[in-house]
Amino acid sequence: VRKDADSSERVLMDMRWGLVPSWFKKDDPSKMQYNTSNCRSDTMLKKSSYKGALLQGKRCVVLADGFYEWQAHSGGKQPYFIYFPQTKDAVAEGKEEDEEWRGWRLLTMAGIFDCWEPPAGGEMLYTYTIITVDASKDVSFIHHMPAILDGDEAIRKWLDFAEVPTQEAVKLIQPTENIVFHPVSTFVNSVRNNTPECLAPIELGAKKEVKATPSSKVMLGWLKNSQEGSPQKKENNLPRWTSQFIHSPSPKKTSAGILQQWLGKEGEPAAKKRKA
């Protein structure tokens, strides 16, 4: 966080998933001996990896279409896709950039970031971790889930590091029941697969695709529209942890509105992305 930064300013940028603390002394972040992709809310103010960054106000919001979770049963593990409830307008095309965005509602997950500089000098590396909480009763088969910030006010408070101190901000980290989910094919189990089939609802037992419903049409239509023209991600760029959070494809012209609106800078170009 810059000392002269405006705490109400929102900047969209690339960061590497898996927080590297600023105090990490080795010359290569891959030499870290522990996983920092997720941070449990009950220990985030205790563990040195997260405490310093959190107390310094290094709070961020991680955007994703949704995330996967697996439910264990006698036949193995059944994957589910979990996301915000959607409206029928989520695949609307032809919207002008200055109109209200009515596309797919992205999950807004609470995160912590940090800035690491190589000991020998070089480009600053920005990394983040996603805060997790105990799941709500509606998804009791999940042990932990992302801490979801539901609504503009929660997002504003989480990001405003100057006006909202840490002890107040952490009160926003609570389970939410405002999510929906459906079973998907085990096709998603392979990190090589990154197509709309990963999200298609299936009928448990029959292992076939469910007949199209309004909600599934919204989901599949939005994903197909978003992926057109986007190169498939390389295998080493895909998440490998138990909960695989979906990183949204590069925004098309039709999705520029949601990014500008979320940033609060309607009409201005998006912030230059920093390579991590």
C-alpha atoms as a PDB file:
ATOM      1  CA  VAL A   1       0.000   0.000   0.000  1.00  0.00           C
ATOM      2  CA  ARG A   2       1.516   3.337  -1.020  1.00  0.00           C
ATOM      3  CA  LYS A   3       1.794   5.857   1.793  1.00  0.00           C
ATOM      4  CA  ASP A   4       0.240   8.493  -0.453  1.00  0.00           C
ATOM      5  CA  ALA A   5      -2.489   6.190  -1.777  1.00  0.00           C
ATOM      6  CA  ASP A   6      -6.117   7.258  -1.702  1.00  0.00           C
ATOM      7  CA  SER A   7      -7.828   4.544   0.337  1.00  0.00           C
ATOM      8  CA  SER A   8     -11.008   4.896  -1.730  1.00  0.00           C
ATOM      9  CA  GLU A   9      -9.170   4.252  -5.001  1.00  0.00           C
ATOM     10  CA  ARG A  10      -9.637   0.850  -6.592  1.00  0.00           C
ATOM     11  CA  VAL A  11      -6.967  -0.660  -8.828  1.00  0.00           C
ATOM     12  CA  LEU A  12      -7.359  -3.815 -10.876  1.00  0.00           C
ATOM     13  CA  MET A  13      -4.131  -5.758 -11.344  1.00  0.00           C
ATOM     14  CA  ASP A  14      -2.649  -9.196 -11.810  1.00  0.00           C
ATOM     15  CA  MET A  15      -1.202 -10.889  -8.748  1.00  0.00           C
ATOM     16  CA  ARG A  16       0.195 -14.373  -8.249  1.00  0.00           C
ATOM     17  CA  TRP A  17      -1.981 -16.724  -6.187  1.00  0.00           C
ATOM     18  CA  GLY A  18      -0.108 -17.881  -3.077  1.00  0.00           C
ATOM     19  CA  LEU A  19       1.033 -15.111  -0.767  1.00  0.00           C
ATOM     20  CA  VAL A  20       4.772 -14.497  -0.452  1.00  0.00           C
ATOM     21  CA  PRO A  21       5.416 -12.424   2.707  1.00  0.00           C
ATOM     22  CA  SER A  22       7.490  -9.278   2.266  1.00  0.00           C
ATOM     23  CA  TRP A  23       9.921 -10.631   4.867  1.00  0.00           C
ATOM     24  CA  PHE A  24      10.688 -13.841   2.910  1.00  0.00           C
ATOM     25  CA  LYS A  25      14.486 -13.842   2.572  1.00  0.00           C
ATOM     26  CA  LYS A  26      15.247 -16.517  -0.026  1.00  0.00           C
ATOM     27  CA  ASP A  27      15.920 -15.556  -3.619  1.00  0.00           C
ATOM     28  CA  ASP A  28      13.129 -17.652  -5.120  1.00  0.00           C
ATOM     29  CA  PRO A  29       9.508 -17.600  -3.852  1.00  0.00           C
ATOM     30  CA  SER A  30       9.044 -21.183  -5.048  1.00  0.00           C
ATOM     31  CA  LYS A  31      11.346 -22.217  -2.194  1.00  0.00           C
ATOM     32  CA  MET A  32       8.595 -21.506   0.330  1.00  0.00           C
ATOM     33  CA  GLN A  33       7.919 -24.733   2.207  1.00  0.00           C
ATOM     34  CA  TYR A  34       4.244 -24.158   2.946  1.00  0.00           C
ATOM     35  CA  ASN A  35       1.080 -23.417   0.987  1.00  0.00           C
ATOM     36  CA  THR A  36      -0.311 -19.891   1.286  1.00  0.00           C
ATOM     37  CA  SER A  37      -3.076 -20.078  -1.326  1.00  0.00           C
ATOM     38  CA  ASN A  38      -5.761 -20.009   1.359  1.00  0.00           C
ATOM     39  CA  CYS A  39      -5.774 -18.340   4.775  1.00  0.00           C
ATOM     40  CA  ARG A  40      -8.089 -19.479   7.565  1.00  0.00           C
ATOM     41  CA  SER A  41      -9.970 -16.584   9.107  1.00  0.00           C
ATOM     42  CA  ASP A  42      -9.502 -17.862  12.663  1.00  0.00           C
ATOM     43  CA  THR A  43      -5.704 -17.734  12.404  1.00  0.00           C
ATOM     44  CA  MET A  44      -5.056 -14.854   9.975  1.00  0.00           C
ATOM     45  CA  LEU A  45      -4.197 -12.461  12.821  1.00  0.00           C
ATOM     46  CA  LYS A  46      -1.902 -15.023  14.418  1.00  0.00           C
ATOM     47  CA  LYS A  47       0.219 -16.429  11.606  1.00  0.00           C
ATOM     48  CA  SER A  48       3.198 -14.300  10.625  1.00  0.00           C
ATOM     49  CA  SER A  49       2.624 -14.935   6.925  1.00  0.00           C
ATOM     50  CA  TYR A  50      -0.619 -12.940   7.013  1.00  0.00           C
ATOM     51  CA  LYS A  51      -0.679 -10.840  10.176  1.00  0.00           C
ATOM     52  CA  GLY A  52       1.785  -8.179   9.055  1.00  0.00           C
ATOM     53  CA  ALA A  53       0.132  -7.580   5.687  1.00  0.00           C
ATOM     54  CA  LEU A  54      -3.345  -7.561   7.231  1.00  0.00           C
ATOM     55  CA  LEU A  55      -2.407  -5.032   9.924  1.00  0.00           C
ATOM     56  CA  GLN A  56      -0.856  -2.837   7.220  1.00  0.00           C
ATOM     57  CA  GLY A  57      -4.198  -2.725   5.424  1.00  0.00           C
ATOM     58  CA  LYS A  58      -3.152  -4.867   2.478  1.00  0.00           C
ATOM     59  CA  ARG A  59      -6.688  -6.074   1.783  1.00  0.00           C
ATOM     60  CA  CYS A  60      -7.913  -7.034  -1.668  1.00  0.00           C
ATOM     61  CA  VAL A  61     -10.943  -8.551  -3.371  1.00  0.00           C
ATOM     62  CA  VAL A  62     -10.439 -11.592  -5.592  1.00  0.00           C
ATOM     63  CA  LEU A  63     -12.848 -11.937  -8.514  1.00  0.00           C
ATOM     64  CA  ALA A  64     -13.939 -15.320  -9.883  1.00  0.00           C
ATOM     65  CA  ASP A  65     -16.860 -16.878 -11.740  1.00  0.00           C
ATOM     66  CA  GLY A  66     -17.171 -19.398  -8.906  1.00  0.00           C
ATOM     67  CA  PHE A  67     -15.274 -22.270  -7.315  1.00  0.00           C
ATOM     68  CA  TYR A  68     -15.318 -26.055  -7.140  1.00  0.00           C
ATOM     69  CA  GLU A  69     -15.674 -28.279  -4.135  1.00  0.00           C
ATOM     70  CA  TRP A  70     -15.849 -32.056  -3.838  1.00  0.00           C
ATOM     71  CA  GLN A  71     -18.258 -34.109  -1.709  1.00  0.00           C
ATOM     72  CA  ALA A  72     -17.001 -37.523  -0.619  1.00  0.00           C
ATOM     73  CA  HIS A  73     -19.323 -40.512  -1.023  1.00  0.00           C
ATOM     74  CA  SER A  74     -19.027 -44.292  -1.385  1.00  0.00           C
ATOM     75  CA  GLY A  75     -18.253 -44.081  -5.100  1.00  0.00           C
ATOM     76  CA  GLY A  76     -15.569 -41.452  -4.796  1.00  0.00           C
ATOM     77  CA  LYS A  77     -15.805 -37.657  -4.789  1.00  0.00           C
ATOM     78  CA  GLN A  78     -18.527 -35.674  -6.542  1.00  0.00           C
ATOM     79  CA  PRO A  79     -17.490 -32.186  -7.764  1.00  0.00           C
ATOM     80  CA  TYR A  80     -19.827 -29.199  -7.412  1.00  0.00           C
ATOM     81  CA  PHE A  81     -19.665 -25.714  -8.905  1.00  0.00           C
ATOM     82  CA  ILE A  82     -20.555 -22.949  -6.417  1.00  0.00           C
ATOM     83  CA  TYR A  83     -21.401 -19.371  -7.382  1.00  0.00           C
ATOM     84  CA  PHE A  84     -23.633 -16.330  -6.788  1.00  0.00           C
ATOM     85  CA  PRO A  85     -27.294 -16.647  -7.864  1.00  0.00           C
ATOM     86  CA  GLN A  86     -27.627 -15.275 -11.378  1.00  0.00           C
ATOM     87  CA  THR A  87     -30.319 -13.404 -13.312  1.00  0.00           C
ATOM     88  CA  LYS A  88     -31.592 -14.041 -16.810  1.00  0.00           C
ATOM     89  CA  ASP A  89     -29.836 -10.869 -17.972  1.00  0.00           C
ATOM     90  CA  ALA A  90     -26.393 -12.317 -17.321  1.00  0.00           C
ATOM     91  CA  VAL A  91     -25.687 -13.085 -20.974  1.00  0.00           C
ATOM     92  CA  ALA A  92     -27.030  -9.841 -22.393  1.00  0.00           C
ATOM     93  CA  GLU A  93     -25.046  -8.724 -25.425  1.00  0.00           C
ATOM     94  CA  GLY A  94     -24.701  -5.382 -27.153  1.00  0.00           C
ATOM     95  CA  LYS A  95     -24.610  -3.240 -24.015  1.00  0.00           C
ATOM     96  CA  GLU A  96     -22.816   0.052 -24.363  1.00  0.00           C
ATOM     97  CA  GLU A  97     -19.958   0.550 -21.929  1.00  0.00           C
ATOM     98  CA  ASP A  98     -21.691   3.462 -20.224  1.00  0.00           C
ATOM     99  CA  GLU A  99     -24.800   1.393 -19.471  1.00  0.00           C
ATOM    100  CA  GLU A 100     -25.295  -0.572 -16.294  1.00  0.00           C
ATOM    101  CA  TRP A 101     -23.582  -3.943 -16.434  1.00  0.00           C
ATOM    102  CA  ARG A 102     -26.024  -6.857 -16.229  1.00  0.00           C
ATOM    103  CA  GLY A 103     -23.684  -9.716 -16.959  1.00  0.00           C
ATOM    104  CA  TRP A 104     -22.550 -12.660 -14.867  1.00  0.00           C
ATOM    105  CA  ARG A 105     -22.235 -11.688 -11.210  1.00  0.00           C
ATOM    106  CA  LEU A 106     -18.709 -12.572 -10.172  1.00  0.00           C
ATOM    107  CA  LEU A 107     -17.894 -13.892  -6.724  1.00  0.00           C
ATOM    108  CA  THR A 108     -16.144 -11.213  -4.681  1.00  0.00           C
ATOM    109  CA  MET A 109     -13.854 -13.001  -2.247  1.00  0.00           C
ATOM    110  CA  ALA A 110     -11.896 -11.357   0.567  1.00  0.00           C
ATOM    111  CA  GLY A 111      -8.152 -11.631   0.223  1.00  0.00           C
ATOM    112  CA  ILE A 112      -4.865 -10.383   1.663  1.00  0.00           C
ATOM    113  CA  PHE A 113      -1.949  -9.361  -0.541  1.00  0.00           C
ATOM    114  CA  ASP A 114       1.701  -8.578   0.009  1.00  0.00           C
ATOM    115  CA  CYS A 115       4.629  -7.179  -1.961  1.00  0.00           C
ATOM    116  CA  TRP A 116       7.890  -9.127  -2.113  1.00  0.00           C
ATOM    117  CA  GLU A 117      11.127  -7.747  -3.536  1.00  0.00           C
ATOM    118  CA  PRO A 118      13.933 -10.150  -4.532  1.00  0.00           C
ATOM    119  CA  PRO A 119      16.907  -9.780  -2.134  1.00  0.00           C
ATOM    120  CA  ALA A 120      19.218  -9.161  -5.081  1.00  0.00           C
ATOM    121  CA  GLY A 121      16.871  -6.549  -6.506  1.00  0.00           C
ATOM    122  CA  GLY A 122      14.398  -6.757  -9.335  1.00  0.00           C
ATOM    123  CA  GLU A 123      10.722  -6.309 -10.059  1.00  0.00           C
ATOM    124  CA  MET A 124       8.339  -6.313  -7.108  1.00  0.00           C
ATOM    125  CA  LEU A 125       6.184  -9.438  -6.892  1.00  0.00           C
ATOM    126  CA  TYR A 126       2.548  -8.980  -5.844  1.00  0.00           C
ATOM    127  CA  THR A 127       0.888 -12.076  -4.402  1.00  0.00           C
ATOM    128  CA  TYR A 128      -2.346 -12.820  -2.567  1.00  0.00           C
ATOM    129  CA  THR A 129      -4.174 -15.364  -0.462  1.00  0.00           C
ATOM    130  CA  ILE A 130      -7.914 -16.042  -0.250  1.00  0.00           C
ATOM    131  CA  ILE A 131      -9.437 -15.953   3.230  1.00  0.00           C
ATOM    132  CA  THR A 132     -11.568 -18.993   4.102  1.00  0.00           C
ATOM    133  CA  VAL A 133     -14.333 -19.499   6.656  1.00  0.00           C
ATOM    134  CA  ASP A 134     -16.427 -22.396   7.908  1.00  0.00           C
ATOM    135  CA  ALA A 135     -19.130 -23.121   5.350  1.00  0.00           C
ATOM    136  CA  SER A 136     -22.769 -22.190   5.902  1.00  0.00           C
ATOM    137  CA  LYS A 137     -25.343 -24.881   6.677  1.00  0.00           C
ATOM    138  CA  ASP A 138     -26.636 -24.797   3.093  1.00  0.00           C
ATOM    139  CA  VAL A 139     -23.347 -26.252   1.875  1.00  0.00           C
ATOM    140  CA  SER A 140     -22.458 -28.341   4.890  1.00  0.00           C
ATOM    141  CA  PHE A 141     -20.516 -30.818   2.743  1.00  0.00           C
ATOM    142  CA  ILE A 142     -17.855 -28.106   2.381  1.00  0.00           C
ATOM    143  CA  HIS A 143     -15.532 -27.810   5.352  1.00  0.00           C
ATOM    144  CA  HIS A 144     -14.201 -24.388   4.420  1.00  0.00           C
ATOM    145  CA  MET A 145     -15.162 -21.919   1.742  1.00  0.00           C
ATOM    146  CA  PRO A 146     -13.979 -18.500   0.556  1.00  0.00           C
ATOM    147  CA  ALA A 147     -14.985 -15.517   2.666  1.00  0.00           C
ATOM    148  CA  ILE A 148     -17.419 -13.872   0.250  1.00  0.00           C
ATOM    149  CA  LEU A 149     -18.096 -10.141   0.412  1.00  0.00           C
ATOM    150  CA  ASP A 150     -21.757  -9.874  -0.555  1.00  0.00           C
ATOM    151  CA  GLY A 151     -22.608  -6.413  -1.829  1.00  0.00           C
ATOM    152  CA  ASP A 152     -21.017  -3.054  -2.569  1.00  0.00           C
ATOM    153  CA  GLU A 153     -20.961  -1.875   1.043  1.00  0.00           C
ATOM    154  CA  ALA A 154     -19.042  -4.917   2.278  1.00  0.00           C
ATOM    155  CA  ILE A 155     -16.587  -4.530  -0.591  1.00  0.00           C
ATOM    156  CA  ARG A 156     -16.123  -0.832   0.124  1.00  0.00           C
ATOM    157  CA  LYS A 157     -15.392  -1.421   3.804  1.00  0.00           C
ATOM    158  CA  TRP A 158     -12.972  -4.259   3.118  1.00  0.00           C
ATOM    159  CA  LEU A 159     -10.964  -2.216   0.613  1.00  0.00           C
ATOM    160  CA  ASP A 160     -10.949   1.092   2.505  1.00  0.00           C
ATOM    161  CA  PHE A 161      -7.867   0.440   4.611  1.00  0.00           C
ATOM    162  CA  ALA A 162      -7.662   4.028   5.917  1.00  0.00           C
ATOM    163  CA  GLU A 163     -11.241   4.545   7.071  1.00  0.00           C
ATOM    164  CA  VAL A 164     -11.970   0.982   8.192  1.00  0.00           C
ATOM    165  CA  PRO A 165      -9.344  -0.384  10.624  1.00  0.00           C
ATOM    166  CA  THR A 166      -8.380  -4.039  10.681  1.00  0.00           C
ATOM    167  CA  GLN A 167     -10.454  -4.933  13.759  1.00  0.00           C
ATOM    168  CA  GLU A 168     -13.586  -3.575  12.056  1.00  0.00           C
ATOM    169  CA  ALA A 169     -12.790  -5.054   8.646  1.00  0.00           C
ATOM    170  CA  VAL A 170     -12.369  -8.587   9.965  1.00  0.00           C
ATOM    171  CA  LYS A 171     -15.992  -8.511  11.189  1.00  0.00           C
ATOM    172  CA  LEU A 172     -16.988  -8.709   7.519  1.00  0.00           C
ATOM    173  CA  ILE A 173     -15.419 -12.146   7.266  1.00  0.00           C
ATOM    174  CA  GLN A 174     -18.460 -14.361   7.771  1.00  0.00           C
ATOM    175  CA  PRO A 175     -20.036 -17.362   5.994  1.00  0.00           C
ATOM    176  CA  THR A 176     -22.712 -16.471   3.468  1.00  0.00           C
ATOM    177  CA  GLU A 177     -25.856 -18.346   2.494  1.00  0.00           C
ATOM    178  CA  ASN A 178     -26.353 -16.300  -0.670  1.00  0.00           C
ATOM    179  CA  ILE A 179     -24.801 -18.910  -2.968  1.00  0.00           C
ATOM    180  CA  VAL A 180     -26.098 -21.650  -5.225  1.00  0.00           C
ATOM    181  CA  PHE A 181     -24.445 -24.806  -6.518  1.00  0.00           C
ATOM    182  CA  HIS A 182     -24.947 -27.805  -8.776  1.00  0.00           C
ATOM    183  CA  PRO A 183     -23.096 -31.072  -9.466  1.00  0.00           C
ATOM    184  CA  VAL A 184     -20.743 -31.180 -12.436  1.00  0.00           C
ATOM    185  CA  SER A 185     -18.900 -33.927 -14.287  1.00  0.00           C
ATOM    186  CA  THR A 186     -15.650 -35.392 -12.965  1.00  0.00           C
ATOM    187  CA  PHE A 187     -14.266 -34.046 -16.245  1.00  0.00           C
ATOM    188  CA  VAL A 188     -13.272 -31.055 -14.107  1.00  0.00           C
ATOM    189  CA  ASN A 189     -10.923 -33.223 -12.037  1.00  0.00           C
ATOM    190  CA  SER A 190      -8.166 -32.864 -14.626  1.00  0.00           C
ATOM    191  CA  VAL A 191      -6.360 -29.525 -14.685  1.00  0.00           C
ATOM    192  CA  ARG A 192      -5.959 -30.001 -18.451  1.00  0.00           C
ATOM    193  CA  ASN A 193      -9.682 -29.445 -18.918  1.00  0.00           C
ATOM    194  CA  ASN A 194     -10.757 -25.808 -19.110  1.00  0.00           C
ATOM    195  CA  THR A 195     -13.925 -25.741 -21.216  1.00  0.00           C
ATOM    196  CA  PRO A 196     -17.655 -25.014 -20.654  1.00  0.00           C
ATOM    197  CA  GLU A 197     -18.176 -28.726 -19.972  1.00  0.00           C
ATOM    198  CA  CYS A 198     -16.510 -28.198 -16.574  1.00  0.00           C
ATOM    199  CA  LEU A 199     -19.520 -26.124 -15.471  1.00  0.00           C
ATOM    200  CA  ALA A 200     -22.358 -28.025 -17.155  1.00  0.00           C
ATOM    201  CA  PRO A 201     -24.939 -29.321 -14.626  1.00  0.00           C
ATOM    202  CA  ILE A 202     -25.303 -33.100 -14.509  1.00  0.00           C
ATOM    203  CA  GLU A 203     -27.955 -35.413 -13.127  1.00  0.00           C
ATOM    204  CA  LEU A 204     -26.513 -37.435 -10.260  1.00  0.00           C
ATOM    205  CA  GLY A 205     -26.735 -41.155 -10.821  1.00  0.00           C
ATOM    206  CA  ALA A 206     -27.336 -40.886 -14.560  1.00  0.00           C
ATOM    207  CA  LYS A 207     -24.133 -38.891 -15.146  1.00  0.00           C
ATOM    208  CA  LYS A 208     -25.719 -37.077 -18.040  1.00  0.00           C
ATOM    209  CA  GLU A 209     -26.242 -33.422 -18.695  1.00  0.00           C
ATOM    210  CA  VAL A 210     -29.397 -32.003 -17.194  1.00  0.00           C
ATOM    211  CA  LYS A 211     -31.973 -30.587 -19.609  1.00  0.00           C
ATOM    212  CA  ALA A 212     -31.435 -26.895 -20.116  1.00  0.00           C
ATOM    213  CA  THR A 213     -33.029 -24.698 -17.466  1.00  0.00           C
ATOM    214  CA  PRO A 214     -33.097 -20.887 -17.344  1.00  0.00           C
ATOM    215  CA  SER A 215     -30.284 -20.814 -14.785  1.00  0.00           C
ATOM    216  CA  SER A 216     -28.089 -23.326 -16.610  1.00  0.00           C
ATOM    217  CA  LYS A 217     -28.625 -21.464 -19.900  1.00  0.00           C
ATOM    218  CA  VAL A 218     -27.431 -18.277 -18.210  1.00  0.00           C
ATOM    219  CA  MET A 219     -24.346 -19.983 -16.831  1.00  0.00           C
ATOM    220  CA  LEU A 220     -23.364 -21.824 -20.005  1.00  0.00           C
ATOM    221  CA  GLY A 221     -24.187 -18.895 -22.257  1.00  0.00           C
ATOM    222  CA  TRP A 222     -22.057 -16.540 -20.198  1.00  0.00           C
ATOM    223  CA  LEU A 223     -19.110 -18.913 -20.039  1.00  0.00           C
ATOM    224  CA  LYS A 224     -19.163 -19.620 -23.785  1.00  0.00           C
ATOM    225  CA  ASN A 225     -19.390 -15.916 -24.602  1.00  0.00           C
ATOM    226  CA  SER A 226     -16.513 -15.137 -22.225  1.00  0.00           C
ATOM    227  CA  GLN A 227     -14.255 -17.860 -23.609  1.00  0.00           C
ATOM    228  CA  GLU A 228     -14.692 -17.076 -27.304  1.00  0.00           C
ATOM    229  CA  GLY A 229     -11.381 -15.828 -28.582  1.00  0.00           C
ATOM    230  CA  SER A 230      -9.580 -16.494 -25.297  1.00  0.00           C
ATOM    231  CA  PRO A 231      -6.600 -18.879 -25.499  1.00  0.00           C
ATOM    232  CA  GLN A 232      -6.798 -21.948 -23.290  1.00  0.00           C
ATOM    233  CA  LYS A 233      -4.743 -21.593 -20.117  1.00  0.00           C
ATOM    234  CA  LYS A 234      -1.543 -23.535 -19.828  1.00  0.00           C
ATOM    235  CA  GLU A 235      -1.588 -26.411 -17.368  1.00  0.00           C
ATOM    236  CA  ASN A 236       0.937 -24.788 -15.025  1.00  0.00           C
ATOM    237  CA  ASN A 237      -1.265 -21.712 -14.715  1.00  0.00           C
ATOM    238  CA  LEU A 238      -4.247 -23.643 -13.402  1.00  0.00           C
ATOM    239  CA  PRO A 239      -4.886 -24.005  -9.662  1.00  0.00           C
ATOM    240  CA  ARG A 240      -4.000 -27.390  -8.208  1.00  0.00           C
ATOM    241  CA  TRP A 241      -5.436 -27.099  -4.714  1.00  0.00           C
ATOM    242  CA  THR A 242      -8.524 -28.913  -3.416  1.00  0.00           C
ATOM    243  CA  SER A 243     -10.754 -25.894  -3.999  1.00  0.00           C
ATOM    244  CA  GLN A 244     -10.103 -24.768  -7.568  1.00  0.00           C
ATOM    245  CA  PHE A 245     -11.096 -21.142  -8.010  1.00  0.00           C
ATOM    246  CA  ILE A 246     -11.864 -20.222 -11.580  1.00  0.00           C
ATOM    247  CA  HIS A 247      -9.847 -17.315 -12.909  1.00  0.00           C
ATOM    248  CA  SER A 248     -12.008 -15.285 -15.298  1.00  0.00           C
ATOM    249  CA  PRO A 249     -10.911 -15.141 -18.937  1.00  0.00           C
ATOM    250  CA  SER A 250      -9.507 -11.944 -20.380  1.00  0.00           C
ATOM    251  CA  PRO A 251     -12.404  -9.492 -20.584  1.00  0.00           C
ATOM    252  CA  LYS A 252     -13.982  -8.872 -23.973  1.00  0.00           C
ATOM    253  CA  LYS A 253     -15.350  -5.526 -25.032  1.00  0.00           C
ATOM    254  CA  THR A 254     -18.747  -6.519 -23.670  1.00  0.00           C
ATOM    255  CA  SER A 255     -17.319  -7.187 -20.216  1.00  0.00           C
ATOM    256  CA  ALA A 256     -15.326  -3.962 -19.946  1.00  0.00           C
ATOM    257  CA  GLY A 257     -18.251  -2.272 -18.253  1.00  0.00           C
ATOM    258  CA  ILE A 258     -18.239  -4.504 -15.182  1.00  0.00           C
ATOM    259  CA  LEU A 259     -14.528  -3.944 -14.619  1.00  0.00           C
ATOM    260  CA  GLN A 260     -14.795  -0.170 -14.991  1.00  0.00           C
ATOM    261  CA  GLN A 261     -17.901  -0.051 -12.816  1.00  0.00           C
ATOM    262  CA  TRP A 262     -16.321  -2.230 -10.124  1.00  0.00           C
ATOM    263  CA  LEU A 263     -13.223  -0.075 -10.143  1.00  0.00           C
ATOM    264  CA  GLY A 264     -15.361   3.024  -9.708  1.00  0.00           C
ATOM    265  CA  LYS A 265     -13.666   4.721 -12.641  1.00  0.00           C
ATOM    266  CA  GLU A 266     -16.350   4.648 -15.306  1.00  0.00           C
ATOM    267  CA  GLY A 267     -15.033   5.946 -18.596  1.00  0.00           C
ATOM    268  CA  GLU A 268     -11.334   5.772 -17.663  1.00  0.00           C
ATOM    269  CA  PRO A 269      -8.982   3.077 -18.980  1.00  0.00           C
ATOM    270  CA  ALA A 270      -8.365   0.104 -16.694  1.00  0.00           C
ATOM    271  CA  ALA A 271      -5.246   0.226 -14.552  1.00  0.00           C
ATOM    272  CA  LYS A 272      -2.146  -1.138 -16.215  1.00  0.00           C
ATOM    273  CA  LYS A 273      -1.616  -4.738 -15.185  1.00  0.00           C
ATOM    274  CA  ARG A 274       1.586  -5.622 -13.414  1.00  0.00           C
ATOM    275  CA  LYS A 275       3.159  -8.874 -14.503  1.00  0.00           C
ATOM    276  CA  ALA A 276       3.874 -11.172 -11.600  1.00  0.00           C
END
